[in-house]
Amino acid sequence: MAAAAVLLVLNVSVWLAGAAPREVLVRVFAGTFGSGYGLGQTLAKATPLIFTGTAVAFALRARLFNIGAEGQCLAGVLGCAVLGAALPASTPWVLAVPLCALAAMLGGGLVGGLAGWLRGRFGTHEVLSTLMLNGLVSVLTTWLYGGPLRVGAQVHTRDVVAGARMPMLGHGVTAFRGSALNLSLVLAVAVAFAAHLYLTRTRGGLALRALGGSEQTASALGIAVGPAQLRAMTVSGAIAGLAALHLVLGVKGYAEQGLGVGVGFVGLAVALVGAARPVGMVLAAVLFGALAYGGLVVNAMVPADVLNVAQAAAMVAAAAGALRPRSFS
């Protein structure tokens, strides 16, 4: 459904922009999948979406609609960058990256956990709390990057230490050379499958899925609903925070205002389009990554907003599909 919506809206938008739809589609496909560099850029755009899509899907399994992956991602970016810059310059990769990952998870997990605590303690719906937290984190990070964490005239944090940088896959695979693709893609796919295995193969995961079926049923089975909701949202937020592995350690090397903006909201569509399953979400993330990079490829032919409209159509189609009776458990 989402793919059909993308093609329909893309063709209409291109035609209204005065260009030939077929020519633009061919150029988008050639630019995103027709070369190693283009494929690398597409997969690089998809990488943080796999993290945020997995985060949303994890909460969905517990019947929690986490639309706060945006703020959780921004908090993860902040934590990852601050710790990465504070480490001793000689810190080796084997220590620096895991420590930065833990900081990213802590940042995202705190924001997600707060929403989970409000749901379990006061019954505050997670949609409301996560929306408010998105705005709060955005304002806080904007102030920090322009104030206390600012480096001279540059509105960003200090660079992370060299040992914290993600290996670029283009250094080992010639076809990807020059692209932003890095090792965080492998970690993102691993996290997506690990989250799925936890939910389907462990006692804690089965408890969350029981909660996703019905709070009453979960309670009857002896599952403490409030603590389970707190755990689900905390883990969901921690996974969203891991998007910093690509954004900070892979691409920028520091955090700045706007880094990670939009990743959380598109991740929501990735989870819905991918039916909250790891393979489906990876493919959905690649679709959205292709749309994001494809807009740059055809920018000389049509406005970049044309691809943004197609991306929005996929998100609307995904949301509409989510309104139909379906199970994410």
Protein backbone atom coordinates (compact mmCIF):
# COMPACT_ATOMS: atom_id res chain seq x y z
CA MET A 1 0.00 0.00 0.00
CA ALA A 2 2.77 2.42 0.95
CA ALA A 3 4.78 1.62 -2.21
CA ALA A 4 1.70 2.19 -4.39
CA ALA A 5 1.04 5.51 -2.66
CA VAL A 6 4.64 6.58 -3.23
CA LEU A 7 4.50 5.79 -6.96
CA LEU A 8 1.14 7.48 -7.47
CA VAL A 9 1.97 10.65 -5.57
CA LEU A 10 5.47 10.81 -7.02
CA ASN A 11 4.18 10.60 -10.59
CA VAL A 12 1.52 13.25 -10.00
CA SER A 13 3.92 15.57 -8.17
CA VAL A 14 6.57 15.29 -10.86
CA TRP A 15 3.99 15.94 -13.58
CA LEU A 16 2.71 19.03 -11.74
CA ALA A 17 6.30 20.24 -11.40
CA GLY A 18 6.57 20.18 -15.20
CA ALA A 19 8.91 17.21 -15.56
CA ALA A 20 8.50 13.78 -17.15
CA PRO A 21 7.62 11.23 -14.42
CA ARG A 22 9.31 8.34 -16.20
CA GLU A 23 12.55 10.26 -16.65
CA VAL A 24 12.61 11.33 -13.01
CA LEU A 25 11.86 7.82 -11.75
CA VAL A 26 14.65 6.37 -13.90
CA ARG A 27 17.06 9.01 -12.59
CA VAL A 28 16.05 8.36 -8.97
CA PHE A 29 16.52 4.61 -9.35
CA ALA A 30 19.83 5.00 -11.14
CA GLY A 31 21.07 7.49 -8.55
CA THR A 32 20.08 5.43 -5.52
CA PHE A 33 20.60 1.83 -6.62
CA GLY A 34 22.47 2.09 -9.92
CA SER A 35 25.93 2.72 -8.46
CA GLY A 36 27.88 1.68 -5.41
CA TYR A 37 28.12 5.26 -4.19
CA GLY A 38 24.39 5.86 -4.62
CA LEU A 39 23.55 2.60 -2.86
CA GLY A 40 25.93 3.51 -0.05
CA GLN A 41 24.25 6.89 0.40
CA THR A 42 20.80 5.29 0.34
CA LEU A 43 21.77 2.73 2.98
CA ALA A 44 23.38 5.50 5.03
CA LYS A 45 20.08 7.42 5.00
CA ALA A 46 18.28 4.21 5.99
CA THR A 47 20.56 3.33 8.92
CA PRO A 48 19.16 5.67 11.62
CA LEU A 49 15.63 4.84 10.43
CA ILE A 50 16.22 1.16 11.25
CA PHE A 51 17.05 2.16 14.83
CA THR A 52 14.03 4.43 15.29
CA GLY A 53 11.73 2.03 13.44
CA THR A 54 12.82 -0.79 15.74
CA ALA A 55 12.24 1.47 18.74
CA VAL A 56 8.66 2.21 17.70
CA ALA A 57 8.01 -1.45 16.86
CA PHE A 58 9.29 -2.58 20.27
CA ALA A 59 6.78 -0.36 22.06
CA LEU A 60 4.00 -1.40 19.69
CA ARG A 61 4.40 -5.01 20.78
CA ALA A 62 3.38 -3.86 24.27
CA ARG A 63 0.48 -1.82 22.82
CA LEU A 64 2.30 1.43 23.46
CA PHE A 65 2.34 4.01 20.66
CA ASN A 66 5.73 5.63 21.04
CA ILE A 67 5.77 8.70 18.84
CA GLY A 68 8.62 10.11 20.88
CA ALA A 69 11.44 8.41 19.00
CA GLU A 70 12.29 11.89 17.68
CA GLY A 71 13.07 13.29 21.12
CA GLN A 72 14.67 10.05 22.25
CA CYS A 73 16.97 10.13 19.23
CA LEU A 74 17.94 13.76 19.95
CA ALA A 75 18.68 12.84 23.58
CA GLY A 76 20.81 9.92 22.42
CA VAL A 77 22.73 12.18 20.05
CA LEU A 78 23.41 14.59 22.92
CA GLY A 79 24.59 11.89 25.32
CA CYS A 80 26.74 10.16 22.73
CA ALA A 81 28.45 13.37 21.61
CA VAL A 82 29.11 14.71 25.11
CA LEU A 83 30.65 11.47 26.36
CA GLY A 84 32.56 10.91 23.12
CA ALA A 85 34.18 14.32 23.44
CA ALA A 86 34.95 13.84 27.15
CA LEU A 87 36.88 10.59 26.72
CA PRO A 88 40.70 10.65 26.84
CA ALA A 89 42.16 11.13 23.36
CA SER A 90 43.93 7.77 23.56
CA THR A 91 40.76 5.75 24.25
CA PRO A 92 40.74 2.75 21.88
CA TRP A 93 37.81 1.92 19.60
CA VAL A 94 36.92 -1.21 21.56
CA LEU A 95 36.14 0.96 24.60
CA ALA A 96 35.10 4.28 23.06
CA VAL A 97 32.30 3.01 20.84
CA PRO A 98 30.58 0.83 23.49
CA LEU A 99 30.78 3.68 26.01
CA CYS A 100 29.30 6.14 23.53
CA ALA A 101 26.59 3.61 22.67
CA LEU A 102 25.73 3.27 26.37
CA ALA A 103 25.53 7.06 26.68
CA ALA A 104 23.22 7.20 23.66
CA MET A 105 21.02 4.47 25.12
CA LEU A 106 20.96 6.23 28.48
CA GLY A 107 19.86 9.51 26.90
CA GLY A 108 17.11 7.93 24.83
CA GLY A 109 16.13 5.52 27.58
CA LEU A 110 15.64 8.30 30.13
CA VAL A 111 13.26 10.17 27.84
CA GLY A 112 11.36 7.02 26.87
CA GLY A 113 11.34 5.77 30.45
CA LEU A 114 9.81 9.03 31.69
CA ALA A 115 6.89 8.55 29.30
CA GLY A 116 6.55 4.93 30.43
CA TRP A 117 6.58 5.95 34.09
CA LEU A 118 3.89 8.59 33.49
CA ARG A 119 1.76 5.95 31.74
CA GLY A 120 2.16 3.35 34.47
CA ARG A 121 1.94 5.71 37.46
CA PHE A 122 -0.68 8.25 36.39
CA GLY A 123 -2.23 6.72 33.28
CA THR A 124 -0.95 9.56 31.08
CA HIS A 125 -1.25 8.40 27.49
CA GLU A 126 2.16 7.95 25.89
CA VAL A 127 1.11 9.85 22.76
CA LEU A 128 0.60 13.02 24.80
CA SER A 129 3.68 12.59 26.98
CA THR A 130 6.03 11.71 24.14
CA LEU A 131 4.79 14.64 22.04
CA MET A 132 5.52 17.03 24.89
CA LEU A 133 8.88 15.41 25.55
CA ASN A 134 9.80 15.77 21.87
CA GLY A 135 9.36 19.52 22.16
CA LEU A 136 11.13 19.72 25.50
CA VAL A 137 14.19 17.81 24.29
CA SER A 138 14.31 19.87 21.08
CA VAL A 139 14.33 23.14 23.02
CA LEU A 140 16.89 21.84 25.51
CA THR A 141 19.33 20.60 22.87
CA THR A 142 18.97 23.81 20.84
CA TRP A 143 19.93 25.83 23.91
CA LEU A 144 22.84 23.56 24.80
CA TYR A 145 24.35 23.54 21.30
CA GLY A 146 24.09 27.30 21.02
CA GLY A 147 25.23 27.95 24.58
CA PRO A 148 27.07 25.78 27.13
CA LEU A 149 28.27 23.17 24.61
CA ARG A 150 29.12 25.62 21.83
CA VAL A 151 32.70 25.58 20.52
CA GLY A 152 33.76 29.09 19.54
CA ALA A 153 31.86 30.32 16.50
CA GLN A 154 30.72 26.78 15.67
CA VAL A 155 27.23 25.92 16.92
CA HIS A 156 28.06 22.33 17.84
CA THR A 157 29.82 20.26 20.47
CA ARG A 158 33.48 19.36 20.52
CA ASP A 159 34.55 16.50 18.25
CA VAL A 160 34.43 13.01 19.71
CA VAL A 161 37.78 11.30 20.16
CA ALA A 162 39.22 9.52 17.16
CA GLY A 163 38.69 6.09 18.73
CA ALA A 164 34.94 6.69 18.89
CA ARG A 165 34.49 7.14 15.15
CA MET A 166 32.66 4.39 13.25
CA PRO A 167 34.66 2.63 10.51
CA MET A 168 33.44 3.74 7.09
CA LEU A 169 32.44 0.77 4.95
CA GLY A 170 33.77 2.57 1.89
CA HIS A 171 37.28 2.00 3.20
CA GLY A 172 36.84 -1.74 2.85
CA VAL A 173 34.36 -1.94 -0.03
CA THR A 174 35.57 0.09 -2.99
CA ALA A 175 32.08 0.43 -4.49
CA PHE A 176 30.89 2.40 -1.43
CA ARG A 177 33.91 4.71 -1.38
CA GLY A 178 33.02 8.33 -0.67
CA SER A 179 29.59 7.52 0.78
CA ALA A 180 28.51 8.04 4.39
CA LEU A 181 27.85 4.31 4.88
CA ASN A 182 29.51 3.01 8.03
CA LEU A 183 29.54 0.06 10.43
CA SER A 184 26.46 1.35 12.25
CA LEU A 185 24.32 -0.17 9.47
CA VAL A 186 25.40 -3.65 10.56
CA LEU A 187 24.70 -2.75 14.18
CA ALA A 188 21.26 -1.37 13.28
CA VAL A 189 20.23 -4.59 11.53
CA ALA A 190 21.61 -6.62 14.45
CA VAL A 191 19.60 -4.55 16.94
CA ALA A 192 16.42 -5.01 14.88
CA PHE A 193 16.77 -8.79 14.93
CA ALA A 194 17.93 -8.87 18.57
CA ALA A 195 14.84 -6.92 19.65
CA HIS A 196 12.63 -9.34 17.72
CA LEU A 197 14.33 -12.36 19.32
CA TYR A 198 13.95 -10.84 22.78
CA LEU A 199 10.22 -10.31 22.23
CA THR A 200 9.61 -13.79 20.83
CA ARG A 201 12.11 -16.00 22.67
CA THR A 202 12.43 -14.67 26.22
CA ARG A 203 10.14 -14.59 29.24
CA GLY A 204 10.42 -10.80 29.51
CA GLY A 205 9.53 -10.40 25.85
CA LEU A 206 6.55 -12.70 26.13
CA ALA A 207 5.34 -10.63 29.08
CA LEU A 208 5.42 -7.50 26.95
CA ARG A 209 3.56 -9.26 24.16
CA ALA A 210 0.95 -10.41 26.65
CA LEU A 211 0.60 -6.78 27.69
CA GLY A 212 0.14 -5.94 24.03
CA GLY A 213 -2.78 -8.34 23.86
CA SER A 214 -4.66 -6.91 26.81
CA GLU A 215 -3.74 -5.18 30.06
CA GLN A 216 -6.43 -7.20 31.84
CA THR A 217 -5.07 -10.49 30.52
CA ALA A 218 -1.52 -9.52 31.42
CA SER A 219 -2.60 -8.57 34.92
CA ALA A 220 -4.46 -11.87 35.30
CA LEU A 221 -1.26 -13.70 34.35
CA GLY A 222 0.55 -12.00 37.19
CA ILE A 223 2.35 -9.38 35.08
CA ALA A 224 2.77 -6.01 36.80
CA VAL A 225 1.39 -3.70 34.14
CA GLY A 226 3.01 -0.44 35.28
CA PRO A 227 6.58 -1.79 35.54
CA ALA A 228 6.14 -3.61 32.20
CA GLN A 229 5.07 -0.39 30.50
CA LEU A 230 8.04 1.42 32.04
CA ARG A 231 10.40 -1.30 30.78
CA ALA A 232 8.93 -1.29 27.27
CA MET A 233 9.21 2.48 26.86
CA THR A 234 12.68 2.62 28.41
CA VAL A 235 14.04 -0.04 26.05
CA SER A 236 12.23 1.59 23.13
CA GLY A 237 13.82 4.95 23.93
CA ALA A 238 17.24 3.37 24.36
CA ILE A 239 17.02 1.81 20.89
CA ALA A 240 15.99 5.14 19.38
CA GLY A 241 18.97 6.78 21.07
CA LEU A 242 21.29 4.35 19.27
CA ALA A 243 20.65 6.25 16.03
CA ALA A 244 23.47 8.44 17.35
CA LEU A 245 25.92 5.71 16.36
CA HIS A 246 25.36 6.67 12.74
CA LEU A 247 24.64 10.37 13.15
CA VAL A 248 27.43 11.27 15.58
CA LEU A 249 30.06 8.53 15.42
CA GLY A 250 29.58 7.75 11.74
CA VAL A 251 28.75 10.98 9.93
CA LYS A 252 29.44 14.17 11.88
CA GLY A 253 31.84 13.37 14.69
CA TYR A 254 29.97 15.86 16.87
CA ALA A 255 26.41 16.95 17.68
CA GLU A 256 24.76 20.11 16.38
CA GLN A 257 21.36 21.70 16.22
CA GLY A 258 19.11 19.77 13.84
CA LEU A 259 21.16 16.58 13.84
CA GLY A 260 18.64 13.75 13.94
CA VAL A 261 15.58 15.90 13.33
CA GLY A 262 12.95 13.95 11.38
CA VAL A 263 14.56 10.56 11.98
CA GLY A 264 12.14 9.65 14.75
CA PHE A 265 8.98 10.57 12.88
CA VAL A 266 10.03 8.69 9.75
CA GLY A 267 10.93 5.77 12.00
CA LEU A 268 7.28 5.64 13.01
CA ALA A 269 6.35 5.05 9.36
CA VAL A 270 9.15 2.49 9.01
CA ALA A 271 7.68 0.45 11.87
CA LEU A 272 4.18 0.58 10.43
CA VAL A 273 5.17 -0.11 6.82
CA GLY A 274 7.42 -2.95 7.98
CA ALA A 275 4.62 -4.42 10.16
CA ALA A 276 6.98 -4.23 13.16
CA ARG A 277 9.05 -7.14 11.77
CA PRO A 278 12.84 -6.84 11.32
CA VAL A 279 13.02 -7.76 7.62
CA GLY A 280 10.03 -5.58 6.78
CA MET A 281 11.45 -2.64 8.70
CA VAL A 282 14.86 -2.90 7.07
CA LEU A 283 13.23 -2.87 3.62
CA ALA A 284 10.95 0.02 4.63
CA ALA A 285 13.96 1.97 5.91
CA VAL A 286 15.72 1.43 2.57
CA LEU A 287 12.61 2.73 0.78
CA PHE A 288 12.56 5.91 2.85
CA GLY A 289 16.33 6.21 2.54
CA ALA A 290 16.00 6.03 -1.25
CA LEU A 291 13.36 8.77 -1.20
CA ALA A 292 15.54 10.96 1.01
CA TYR A 293 18.67 10.59 -1.12
CA GLY A 294 16.69 10.51 -4.37
CA GLY A 295 15.50 14.04 -3.69
CA LEU A 296 19.13 15.18 -3.86
CA VAL A 297 19.77 13.18 -7.03
CA VAL A 298 16.98 14.83 -9.04
CA ASN A 299 17.18 18.25 -7.42
CA ALA A 300 18.16 19.82 -10.75
CA MET A 301 15.09 18.36 -12.47
CA VAL A 302 12.38 18.88 -9.85
CA PRO A 303 12.27 20.55 -6.43
CA ALA A 304 13.45 18.33 -3.59
CA ASP A 305 10.03 18.80 -2.01
CA VAL A 306 8.58 16.50 -4.68
CA LEU A 307 10.33 13.53 -3.07
CA ASN A 308 9.35 14.82 0.36
CA VAL A 309 5.71 14.75 -0.73
CA ALA A 310 6.12 11.14 -1.86
CA GLN A 311 7.69 10.31 1.49
CA ALA A 312 4.76 11.95 3.27
CA ALA A 313 2.35 9.89 1.15
CA ALA A 314 4.04 6.70 2.31
CA MET A 315 3.73 7.84 5.92
CA VAL A 316 0.02 8.63 5.50
CA ALA A 317 -0.55 5.26 3.82
CA ALA A 318 1.28 3.54 6.67
CA ALA A 319 -0.80 5.38 9.27
CA ALA A 320 -4.01 4.52 7.42
CA GLY A 321 -2.98 0.88 7.32
CA ALA A 322 -2.33 0.96 11.06
CA LEU A 323 -5.94 1.98 11.66
CA ARG A 324 -7.13 -1.33 10.24
CA PRO A 325 -7.35 -4.28 12.60
CA ARG A 326 -3.89 -5.85 12.65
CA SER A 327 -1.60 -7.46 15.15
CA PHE A 328 1.98 -6.47 15.87
CA SER A 329 2.47 -9.33 18.30
